[in-house]
Protein backbone atom coordinates (compact mmCIF):
# COMPACT_ATOMS: atom_id res chain seq x y z
CA MET A 1 0.00 0.00 0.00
CA ALA A 2 2.85 2.34 0.89
CA LYS A 3 4.59 1.60 -2.42
CA LEU A 4 1.36 2.34 -4.29
CA CYS A 5 1.03 5.70 -2.52
CA ILE A 6 4.63 6.56 -3.39
CA PHE A 7 3.98 5.62 -7.03
CA PHE A 8 0.96 7.89 -7.32
CA THR A 9 2.78 10.69 -5.54
CA LEU A 10 5.66 10.50 -8.00
CA LEU A 11 3.22 10.28 -10.90
CA PHE A 12 1.40 13.40 -9.65
CA LEU A 13 4.65 15.32 -9.28
CA SER A 14 5.74 14.23 -12.73
CA LEU A 15 2.46 15.34 -14.31
CA SER A 16 2.58 18.60 -12.38
CA SER A 17 6.03 19.40 -13.70
CA ILE A 18 4.74 18.85 -17.23
CA ILE A 19 1.60 20.91 -16.71
CA PHE A 20 3.39 23.83 -15.06
CA ALA A 21 6.51 23.67 -17.27
CA GLN A 22 5.30 26.73 -19.18
CA LYS A 23 3.70 29.95 -18.01
CA ILE A 24 2.22 32.95 -19.81
CA ILE A 25 2.07 36.27 -17.96
CA PHE A 26 0.48 39.53 -19.10
CA ALA A 27 2.01 42.74 -17.74
CA GLU A 28 1.76 46.48 -18.19
CA LYS A 29 5.53 47.00 -18.25
CA ILE A 30 8.84 45.16 -18.20
CA ASP A 31 12.05 46.87 -17.07
CA SER A 32 15.64 46.37 -18.26
CA LEU A 33 16.15 43.63 -15.66
CA GLY A 34 13.15 41.67 -16.83
CA ASN A 35 10.93 42.61 -13.88
CA LEU A 36 7.22 42.70 -14.72
CA SER A 37 4.75 45.19 -13.24
CA ARG A 38 0.95 45.12 -12.87
CA CYS A 39 0.50 41.52 -13.97
CA GLN A 40 -3.11 40.52 -14.60
CA ASN A 41 -5.40 38.90 -17.17
CA ALA A 42 -7.65 41.93 -17.80
CA TYR A 43 -6.67 45.44 -18.89
CA GLN A 44 -8.44 48.70 -19.59
CA ILE A 45 -6.94 50.53 -22.55
CA ASP A 46 -7.01 54.07 -23.95
CA PRO A 47 -9.97 54.11 -26.40
CA ILE A 48 -8.17 56.34 -28.91
CA LYS A 49 -4.49 55.41 -28.76
CA GLY A 50 -4.84 51.91 -27.37
CA SER A 51 -2.39 50.58 -24.77
CA MET A 52 0.64 48.30 -24.75
CA VAL A 53 0.51 44.94 -22.97
CA VAL A 54 3.55 42.73 -22.46
CA LEU A 55 3.03 39.13 -23.60
CA PHE A 56 5.54 37.17 -21.52
CA PHE A 57 6.34 33.46 -21.94
CA GLN A 58 8.35 31.53 -19.33
CA ASN A 59 9.67 28.00 -19.82
CA THR A 60 11.50 25.66 -17.45
CA GLN A 61 13.91 24.63 -20.21
CA ALA A 62 15.80 26.60 -22.82
CA ILE A 63 13.64 27.77 -25.71
CA PRO A 64 14.93 26.43 -29.06
CA LYS A 65 16.29 29.00 -31.48
CA PRO A 66 15.75 30.91 -33.72
CA LYS A 67 12.23 32.15 -32.93
CA LEU A 68 8.96 31.75 -31.12
CA TYR A 69 5.49 32.78 -32.27
CA ALA A 70 2.79 34.58 -30.32
CA PHE A 71 -0.57 34.00 -32.01
CA ILE A 72 -3.24 36.53 -31.05
CA ASP A 73 -6.78 35.30 -31.68
CA LYS A 74 -9.88 37.41 -30.98
CA LYS A 75 -13.22 36.00 -29.86
CA GLU A 76 -16.10 36.54 -32.28
CA SER A 77 -19.80 36.91 -31.49
CA SER A 78 -20.21 33.23 -32.36
CA GLY A 79 -17.97 32.33 -29.42
CA THR A 80 -15.08 31.05 -31.54
CA TYR A 81 -11.61 32.58 -31.61
CA LYS A 82 -10.44 33.87 -34.99
CA GLU A 83 -6.88 34.70 -36.06
CA PHE A 84 -6.27 38.39 -35.36
CA ASP A 85 -2.50 38.95 -35.45
CA THR A 86 0.86 37.19 -35.12
CA GLN A 87 4.08 38.31 -33.46
CA ARG A 88 7.49 36.73 -34.14
CA ILE A 89 9.94 36.75 -31.25
CA SER A 90 13.64 36.14 -31.94
CA ILE A 91 15.48 33.71 -29.65
CA GLU A 92 19.17 34.62 -29.77
CA LYS A 93 20.66 32.80 -26.76
CA ASP A 94 20.90 29.03 -26.31
CA SER A 95 20.07 29.38 -22.62
CA SER A 96 16.98 31.61 -22.94
CA THR A 97 14.03 30.36 -20.91
CA VAL A 98 11.85 33.45 -21.40
CA ALA A 99 10.52 35.32 -24.41
CA PHE A 100 8.29 38.35 -24.64
CA CYS A 101 6.93 41.08 -26.85
CA SER A 102 4.91 44.24 -26.26
CA TYR A 103 1.67 44.42 -28.22
CA LEU A 104 -0.54 47.45 -28.84
CA PHE A 105 -4.20 46.57 -28.22
CA THR A 106 -6.70 49.00 -29.75
CA LYS A 107 -9.92 46.95 -29.74
CA GLU A 108 -12.01 45.61 -26.89
CA GLY A 109 -12.63 41.89 -26.62
CA SER A 110 -11.52 38.52 -25.32
CA TYR A 111 -8.22 37.26 -26.72
CA ARG A 112 -6.54 33.85 -26.78
CA ILE A 113 -2.76 34.26 -26.70
CA THR A 114 -0.87 31.18 -27.90
CA PHE A 115 2.89 30.74 -27.88
CA ALA A 116 4.15 28.28 -30.49
CA ASN A 117 7.53 26.90 -31.57
CA VAL A 118 9.34 27.49 -34.85
CA GLU A 119 7.13 24.83 -36.47
CA LYS A 120 4.07 26.77 -35.27
CA LYS A 121 3.03 24.00 -32.89
CA GLU A 122 1.34 25.23 -29.73
CA ILE A 123 3.37 25.19 -26.53
CA HIS A 124 0.98 26.99 -24.20
CA HIS A 125 -1.94 29.45 -24.29
CA ALA A 126 -3.77 31.86 -21.97
CA PHE A 127 -6.71 34.25 -22.19
CA LEU A 128 -6.67 38.04 -21.96
CA SER A 129 -9.59 40.45 -21.60
CA ILE A 130 -9.36 43.98 -23.05
CA SER A 131 -11.85 46.79 -22.43
CA PHE A 132 -11.86 50.57 -22.89
CA LYS A 133 -11.26 52.82 -19.88
CA THR A 134 -14.19 54.87 -21.17
CA ASN A 135 -16.21 55.12 -24.37
CA ILE A 136 -16.28 58.95 -24.33
CA VAL A 137 -13.37 61.40 -24.28
CA PHE A 138 -13.53 65.22 -24.34
CA CYS A 139 -11.56 67.69 -26.45
CA GLU A 140 -11.74 71.15 -28.02
CA GLN A 141 -10.53 70.11 -31.47
CA ILE A 142 -10.83 67.20 -33.93
CA ASP A 143 -8.02 66.62 -36.42
CA SER A 144 -8.23 65.87 -40.17
CA ALA A 145 -8.28 62.13 -39.44
CA ASP A 146 -11.39 62.52 -37.27
CA LEU A 147 -9.45 61.94 -34.06
CA PRO A 148 -9.64 64.03 -30.86
CA ILE A 149 -6.71 66.38 -30.13
CA ASP A 150 -5.43 66.66 -26.57
CA TYR A 151 -8.39 64.93 -24.95
CA LYS A 152 -8.82 65.40 -21.22
CA ASN A 153 -11.43 65.82 -18.47
CA LYS A 154 -10.66 69.34 -17.21
CA PHE A 155 -11.09 72.60 -19.13
CA LYS A 156 -10.87 76.33 -18.49
CA LEU A 157 -13.97 78.46 -19.06
CA LYS A 158 -13.83 81.42 -21.45
CA ILE A 159 -15.88 84.13 -19.75
CA LYS A 160 -17.60 85.76 -22.74
CA THR A 161 -18.21 82.86 -25.10
CA GLY A 162 -18.15 79.85 -22.82
CA ILE A 163 -16.26 76.86 -24.16
CA ASP A 164 -17.07 74.46 -26.98
CA ILE A 165 -16.23 70.88 -26.07
CA TYR A 166 -16.53 67.78 -28.24
CA SER A 167 -17.82 64.53 -26.75
CA PHE A 168 -15.99 61.91 -28.83
CA LEU A 169 -17.69 58.50 -28.70
CA LYS A 170 -15.72 55.35 -29.57
CA THR A 171 -17.33 51.90 -29.61
CA SER A 172 -15.91 48.44 -30.34
CA SER A 173 -18.74 47.42 -32.65
CA SER A 174 -21.33 49.18 -34.78
CA MET A 175 -23.80 51.40 -32.95
CA ASN A 176 -26.67 49.54 -34.63
CA CYS A 177 -29.06 52.50 -34.43
CA ASN A 178 -30.23 55.46 -36.51
CA SER A 179 -29.95 58.17 -33.88
CA ILE A 180 -28.28 58.86 -30.55
CA SER A 181 -29.04 61.20 -27.67
CA HIS A 182 -26.36 63.39 -26.11
CA THR A 183 -27.42 64.21 -22.56
CA ILE A 184 -25.60 66.62 -20.21
CA TYR A 185 -26.16 66.69 -16.45
CA LYS A 186 -24.64 69.21 -14.03
CA HIS A 187 -23.57 68.43 -10.47
CA ASN A 188 -25.66 70.26 -7.85
CA GLY A 189 -23.28 69.69 -4.93
CA LYS A 190 -24.65 66.25 -4.13
CA ASP A 191 -25.22 64.44 -7.42
CA TYR A 192 -25.65 64.91 -11.16
CA SER A 193 -29.37 65.60 -11.12
CA ILE A 194 -29.55 68.92 -13.03
CA LEU A 195 -30.51 68.16 -16.64
CA LEU A 196 -28.99 70.80 -18.92
CA SER A 197 -29.68 69.39 -22.36
CA ASN A 198 -30.78 66.30 -24.24
CA ASP A 199 -30.09 66.57 -27.97
CA ILE A 200 -30.76 63.98 -30.69
CA PHE A 201 -28.32 63.35 -33.57
CA ALA A 202 -28.61 61.12 -36.63
CA VAL A 203 -26.01 58.37 -37.09
CA LYS A 204 -25.52 55.39 -39.40
CA PRO A 205 -25.97 51.91 -37.90
CA ASP A 206 -22.48 50.74 -38.94
CA TRP A 207 -20.63 53.66 -37.33
CA GLU A 208 -18.17 52.84 -34.56
CA TYR A 209 -17.39 56.43 -33.59
CA THR A 210 -18.86 59.91 -33.74
CA TYR A 211 -18.43 63.28 -32.03
CA ILE A 212 -20.80 65.96 -30.82
CA ARG A 213 -20.04 69.58 -29.94
CA ALA A 214 -21.69 71.36 -27.03
CA ASN A 215 -21.19 74.80 -25.54
CA TYR A 216 -20.65 75.09 -21.79
CA ARG A 217 -21.18 78.55 -20.25
CA GLU A 218 -20.74 77.86 -16.55
CA ALA A 219 -17.99 76.42 -14.41
CA GLY A 220 -18.86 73.19 -12.70
CA LYS A 221 -18.81 69.40 -12.88
CA TYR A 222 -20.73 67.62 -15.62
CA LYS A 223 -21.78 64.12 -16.61
CA VAL A 224 -22.29 63.28 -20.29
CA VAL A 225 -24.30 60.26 -21.39
CA ILE A 226 -24.70 59.05 -24.99
CA SER A 227 -27.49 56.54 -25.68
CA THR A 228 -29.11 54.87 -28.69
CA ASP A 229 -32.68 55.49 -29.83
CA THR A 230 -33.62 52.36 -27.85
CA ASN A 231 -32.10 53.84 -24.65
CA LYS A 232 -29.03 51.61 -24.69
CA ILE A 233 -26.14 53.51 -23.10
CA LEU A 234 -23.15 53.62 -25.47
CA GLY A 235 -20.94 55.53 -23.06
CA PHE A 236 -20.67 58.08 -20.28
CA ASN A 237 -17.95 60.17 -18.72
CA TYR A 238 -17.36 63.17 -16.46
CA LEU A 239 -15.72 66.52 -17.09
CA GLU A 240 -14.94 69.61 -15.05
CA ILE A 241 -14.86 73.24 -16.17
CA LYS A 242 -13.09 75.81 -13.99
């Protein structure tokens, strides 16, 4: 009986070493010494510029040269993961047990990250969730590429004319509606219960972004909500005018 227990213990340890021989870590940054910071499996990214995420692979044995692949697959509405992008990582040292690359994510979604050998055979995979920090950003100008310039949440009031501020809406999929409402609430000292305006704007169902200009004439704190014609909230955010 004792020999049988020892056998199963050794078998478990052997299987464990195989299972945990590889590890994939997602991090916000990696320093010159290889130290990772803010490691997690879900990140909120800048909706306009996107954000970099480190895809880090760790192996218990040396990784064969000359390269490793990081396959990035994105989950579709059907629930299946479809090829989205591929990164090639050079392996230059015979003794390397880690490999990594920094990848710029610009779209929300669930991703399957697979590391594969030079023959493109899977070694290990892990899942990563990406979402926007917000769906609305504020700015005073839009550039020729229809992108917000110097977006922020705090602005300075111009006494005579007030200040024109764009609410720039960015979504990960089509808005699927024909019109949207742009609603502005002002903070009354306790909550955002003062309704200042509720304007309707036409959009096309396949649009994934749009922007709306509004004039603010008083200093204060504001909440902006953009919804579809079926009252589905596409985004909201807060701004302050001093």
